[in-house]
Amino acid sequence: MINFVGAGPGATDLITVRGMELIKNADVIIYAGSLVNPALLEYAGEDTEIHDSAKMTLEEVLDVMIPAYESGKEVVRLHTGDASIYGAIREQMDELDKRGIPYATCPGVSAAFGAAASLNLEYTLPGISQTLILTRMEGKTAVPELEKIELLASHKASMAIYLSAGMLDELSKRLVAGGYEEDTPAALVYKATWPEEKKIVCSLKTLADEGRKAGITKTAIVLVGDAVKTSNYERSKLYDPTFTTEFRQAKTTE
């Protein structure tokens, strides 16, 4: 069997139990060495065959996966965070489909949620934002025209922006051009949940300067929106004593 496994944001104990067990039982592991914490490989057995895909092409990855499957081995394709977000898994799965090779996916904790946990923030504050946009700014790889950063910024929702830490000046300008105010709260989290994690809370106006001061140019996620730092949100109706839910009646006050 071939299992695509989300490694989580970095901390070795933030992989799922299922993902950890799949690594323990794997005969072959192909991991994204440029992003996945190599300490996760300590869960693997002593005889596990391990490949770093950082310098491999799609074809070279398949050249490892397919023969291993055909010889009856358990294969883990280990991706950073959750494999469904910028994991390039669909192209691998399509090639396996062509050959009738079965596979399964084990989800993982994405960096957006690892960063939120590190900052103890809630993206969906009542009266502030009820939407979280996960995106990236175009660089070497384009984005669809309707997903330009300015258009997404026009919603003024909470945003978690991947793969853009090396373009903070341009990113900030375009977010402001799209509709955010310069003083909109922002955060830059480098290697969220890793031992060497760095986290900076600032504003869009100071984001690029703060990133330069910290020497952060990659392996970081940018969070933007009033939910990053505010105290002016509405109380949730879920626990409001004056609000009736499926499970309890509203309490009246004299």
Protein backbone atom coordinates (compact mmCIF):
# COMPACT_ATOMS: atom_id res chain seq x y z
CA MET A 1 0.00 0.00 0.00
CA ILE A 2 1.08 3.59 -0.62
CA ASN A 3 0.12 6.14 2.03
CA PHE A 4 0.39 9.89 1.60
CA VAL A 5 0.98 11.20 5.11
CA GLY A 6 0.79 14.76 6.42
CA ALA A 7 3.81 15.23 8.71
CA GLY A 8 2.29 18.20 10.54
CA PRO A 9 3.85 21.66 10.95
CA GLY A 10 7.13 20.53 12.48
CA ALA A 11 6.95 19.40 16.09
CA THR A 12 7.43 15.63 16.22
CA ASP A 13 4.45 15.13 18.52
CA LEU A 14 2.09 17.03 16.20
CA ILE A 15 1.89 14.28 13.63
CA THR A 16 -1.33 12.28 13.95
CA VAL A 17 -1.28 8.94 15.74
CA ARG A 18 -2.25 7.29 12.46
CA GLY A 19 0.59 9.04 10.64
CA MET A 20 3.08 7.96 13.28
CA GLU A 21 1.93 4.33 13.05
CA LEU A 22 2.21 4.40 9.25
CA ILE A 23 5.81 5.64 9.54
CA LYS A 24 6.60 2.93 12.10
CA ASN A 25 5.27 0.23 9.77
CA ALA A 26 6.75 1.58 6.53
CA ASP A 27 9.31 -0.35 4.53
CA VAL A 28 10.03 2.68 2.33
CA ILE A 29 9.66 6.37 3.16
CA ILE A 30 9.99 9.22 0.68
CA TYR A 31 9.94 12.49 2.60
CA ALA A 32 10.03 16.14 1.56
CA GLY A 33 13.44 16.86 3.04
CA SER A 34 13.38 20.61 2.44
CA LEU A 35 10.36 21.03 4.72
CA VAL A 36 9.65 17.96 6.86
CA ASN A 37 11.36 17.81 10.24
CA PRO A 38 13.86 14.92 9.85
CA ALA A 39 13.34 14.05 13.52
CA LEU A 40 10.05 12.47 12.46
CA LEU A 41 12.08 9.74 10.77
CA GLU A 42 13.07 8.52 14.22
CA TYR A 43 9.67 6.82 14.30
CA ALA A 44 10.79 4.63 11.39
CA GLY A 45 12.26 1.15 11.82
CA GLU A 46 15.99 0.52 11.61
CA ASP A 47 15.68 -1.25 8.26
CA THR A 48 13.37 1.30 6.64
CA GLU A 49 14.59 2.54 3.26
CA ILE A 50 14.48 6.35 3.32
CA HIS A 51 14.62 8.77 0.38
CA ASP A 52 14.78 12.58 0.48
CA SER A 53 12.61 13.97 -2.33
CA ALA A 54 14.08 17.48 -2.12
CA LYS A 55 16.34 16.75 -5.10
CA MET A 56 14.06 14.27 -6.84
CA THR A 57 11.71 14.81 -9.78
CA LEU A 58 8.20 13.39 -9.95
CA GLU A 59 9.48 10.61 -12.19
CA GLU A 60 12.25 9.73 -9.74
CA VAL A 61 9.76 9.60 -6.87
CA LEU A 62 7.57 7.25 -8.89
CA ASP A 63 10.60 5.12 -9.72
CA VAL A 64 10.94 4.45 -6.00
CA MET A 65 7.26 4.14 -5.09
CA ILE A 66 6.06 1.83 -7.83
CA PRO A 67 8.71 -0.94 -7.61
CA ALA A 68 8.40 -0.87 -3.82
CA TYR A 69 4.63 -1.36 -4.03
CA GLU A 70 5.01 -4.10 -6.66
CA SER A 71 7.37 -5.99 -4.37
CA GLY A 72 4.79 -5.90 -1.56
CA LYS A 73 6.36 -3.18 0.54
CA GLU A 74 4.54 -0.56 2.63
CA VAL A 75 5.31 2.89 1.26
CA VAL A 76 4.89 6.25 2.99
CA ARG A 77 5.07 9.48 1.01
CA LEU A 78 5.65 12.01 3.79
CA HIS A 79 4.64 15.59 3.05
CA THR A 80 4.89 18.65 5.28
CA GLY A 81 1.81 19.98 7.09
CA ASP A 82 -1.29 18.57 5.46
CA ALA A 83 -0.55 17.03 2.09
CA SER A 84 -3.66 18.55 0.50
CA ILE A 85 -2.20 22.09 0.79
CA TYR A 86 0.65 22.78 -1.65
CA GLY A 87 1.67 19.13 -1.44
CA ALA A 88 1.66 18.36 -5.20
CA ILE A 89 0.01 15.04 -4.38
CA ARG A 90 -2.59 14.98 -7.17
CA GLU A 91 0.01 14.52 -9.90
CA GLN A 92 1.48 11.57 -8.00
CA MET A 93 -1.95 10.01 -7.47
CA ASP A 94 -2.86 10.39 -11.14
CA GLU A 95 0.21 8.40 -12.12
CA LEU A 96 -0.70 5.70 -9.60
CA ASP A 97 -4.27 5.64 -10.94
CA LYS A 98 -2.94 4.98 -14.45
CA ARG A 99 -1.26 1.86 -13.11
CA GLY A 100 -4.12 0.72 -10.90
CA ILE A 101 -2.04 1.15 -7.74
CA PRO A 102 -4.09 1.81 -4.58
CA TYR A 103 -3.23 4.58 -2.14
CA ALA A 104 -4.68 6.36 0.87
CA THR A 105 -4.19 9.73 2.55
CA CYS A 106 -3.56 10.49 6.21
CA PRO A 107 -4.26 14.16 7.06
CA GLY A 108 -1.91 16.37 8.99
CA VAL A 109 -1.85 19.68 10.86
CA SER A 110 -1.09 22.50 8.44
CA ALA A 111 1.22 25.40 9.26
CA ALA A 112 -1.73 27.80 9.43
CA PHE A 113 -3.03 25.94 12.46
CA GLY A 114 0.38 25.34 14.01
CA ALA A 115 1.02 29.09 13.79
CA ALA A 116 -2.40 29.93 15.24
CA ALA A 117 -1.70 27.62 18.17
CA SER A 118 1.70 29.21 18.78
CA LEU A 119 0.06 32.64 18.89
CA ASN A 120 -3.04 31.45 20.77
CA LEU A 121 -5.28 33.16 18.23
CA GLU A 122 -8.71 32.41 16.76
CA TYR A 123 -9.18 33.16 13.06
CA THR A 124 -12.97 33.26 13.21
CA LEU A 125 -13.95 35.87 15.78
CA PRO A 126 -17.63 36.92 15.73
CA GLY A 127 -18.03 40.41 14.31
CA ILE A 128 -14.44 40.40 13.01
CA SER A 129 -14.08 37.55 10.54
CA GLN A 130 -15.93 34.33 9.86
CA THR A 131 -13.69 33.31 6.97
CA LEU A 132 -10.13 32.04 6.74
CA ILE A 133 -8.41 32.30 3.35
CA LEU A 134 -5.44 29.98 2.76
CA THR A 135 -3.42 31.21 -0.18
CA ARG A 136 -0.02 32.21 -1.58
CA MET A 137 1.23 35.09 -3.68
CA GLU A 138 2.43 34.27 -7.15
CA GLY A 139 6.16 33.91 -7.54
CA LYS A 140 7.79 31.44 -9.89
CA THR A 141 4.44 29.65 -9.95
CA ALA A 142 1.42 31.65 -11.10
CA VAL A 143 -1.98 31.75 -9.41
CA PRO A 144 -5.37 31.89 -11.17
CA GLU A 145 -6.35 35.45 -12.17
CA LEU A 146 -9.30 35.58 -9.77
CA GLU A 147 -7.04 34.55 -6.89
CA LYS A 148 -4.68 37.52 -7.09
CA ILE A 149 -3.74 38.68 -3.61
CA GLU A 150 -5.48 42.05 -4.06
CA LEU A 151 -8.81 40.40 -4.85
CA LEU A 152 -8.57 38.11 -1.84
CA ALA A 153 -7.58 41.03 0.38
CA SER A 154 -10.75 42.89 -0.60
CA HIS A 155 -12.74 40.55 1.68
CA LYS A 156 -10.75 41.73 4.72
CA ALA A 157 -11.11 38.21 6.13
CA SER A 158 -8.44 36.38 8.10
CA MET A 159 -5.68 35.21 5.77
CA ALA A 160 -2.89 32.67 6.10
CA ILE A 161 -0.40 33.21 3.31
CA TYR A 162 2.05 30.44 2.45
CA LEU A 163 5.24 30.48 0.38
CA SER A 164 5.54 34.27 0.35
CA ALA A 165 8.01 35.13 3.13
CA GLY A 166 10.65 36.13 0.60
CA MET A 167 8.37 38.80 -0.92
CA LEU A 168 7.12 40.68 2.15
CA ASP A 169 7.51 44.18 0.69
CA GLU A 170 5.47 43.30 -2.38
CA LEU A 171 3.01 41.26 -0.37
CA SER A 172 2.31 44.11 2.07
CA LYS A 173 1.83 46.65 -0.71
CA ARG A 174 -0.61 44.42 -2.55
CA LEU A 175 -2.60 43.54 0.56
CA VAL A 176 -3.03 47.25 1.31
CA ALA A 177 -3.90 47.97 -2.32
CA GLY A 178 -6.55 45.26 -2.07
CA GLY A 179 -8.32 46.79 0.92
CA TYR A 180 -6.53 46.16 4.21
CA GLU A 181 -5.45 49.21 6.19
CA GLU A 182 -1.73 49.69 6.82
CA ASP A 183 -2.29 49.20 10.55
CA THR A 184 -4.05 45.85 10.04
CA PRO A 185 -2.51 43.30 12.44
CA ALA A 186 -0.15 40.78 10.87
CA ALA A 187 2.09 38.00 12.08
CA LEU A 188 5.11 36.25 10.65
CA VAL A 189 5.75 32.78 12.03
CA TYR A 190 8.96 31.02 11.04
CA LYS A 191 8.96 27.23 11.36
CA ALA A 192 5.78 27.13 13.42
CA THR A 193 6.00 24.55 16.27
CA TRP A 194 9.65 23.67 15.52
CA PRO A 195 12.18 24.12 18.36
CA GLU A 196 13.67 27.07 16.42
CA GLU A 197 10.31 28.75 15.85
CA LYS A 198 10.25 32.55 15.59
CA LYS A 199 7.01 34.53 15.82
CA ILE A 200 6.50 38.22 15.19
CA VAL A 201 3.24 40.12 15.67
CA CYS A 202 3.20 43.50 13.94
CA SER A 203 1.18 45.36 11.29
CA LEU A 204 1.15 45.29 7.52
CA LYS A 205 3.08 48.57 7.57
CA THR A 206 5.96 47.05 9.56
CA LEU A 207 5.78 43.43 8.33
CA ALA A 208 8.60 43.62 5.77
CA ASP A 209 10.95 45.50 8.11
CA GLU A 210 10.29 43.06 10.94
CA GLY A 211 10.96 40.14 8.61
CA ARG A 212 14.29 41.67 7.55
CA LYS A 213 15.32 42.33 11.16
CA ALA A 214 14.65 38.68 12.01
CA GLY A 215 16.36 37.41 8.86
CA ILE A 216 13.24 35.50 7.79
CA THR A 217 13.01 34.86 4.05
CA LYS A 218 11.51 31.38 3.81
CA THR A 219 9.83 28.54 5.73
CA ALA A 220 7.43 31.00 7.30
CA ILE A 221 3.73 31.75 7.11
CA VAL A 222 2.15 35.20 7.09
CA LEU A 223 -1.10 35.78 8.98
CA VAL A 224 -3.17 38.88 8.27
CA GLY A 225 -6.41 40.30 9.60
CA ASP A 226 -7.99 41.95 12.60
CA ALA A 227 -8.40 38.55 14.25
CA VAL A 228 -4.61 38.34 14.66
CA LYS A 229 -4.71 40.93 17.44
CA THR A 230 -7.97 42.41 18.70
CA SER A 231 -10.17 42.61 21.75
CA ASN A 232 -13.16 44.20 20.02
CA TYR A 233 -14.99 41.06 18.96
CA GLU A 234 -18.52 39.94 19.75
CA ARG A 235 -19.25 37.20 22.24
CA SER A 236 -20.02 33.85 20.62
CA LYS A 237 -23.71 32.92 20.53
CA LEU A 238 -22.70 29.33 21.22
CA TYR A 239 -22.19 30.01 24.94
CA ASP A 240 -24.39 33.09 25.31
CA PRO A 241 -26.94 32.44 28.11
CA THR A 242 -29.56 34.52 26.25
CA PHE A 243 -29.30 32.37 23.11
CA THR A 244 -31.29 29.15 22.56
CA THR A 245 -29.51 26.23 20.91
CA GLU A 246 -30.44 22.65 20.06
CA PHE A 247 -29.09 21.56 23.44
CA ARG A 248 -30.29 24.23 25.86
CA GLN A 249 -32.86 26.96 26.31
CA ALA A 250 -31.97 30.60 26.74
CA LYS A 251 -31.85 31.80 30.32
CA THR A 252 -33.88 34.88 31.10
CA THR A 253 -32.56 37.53 33.44
CA GLU A 254 -34.69 39.70 35.70
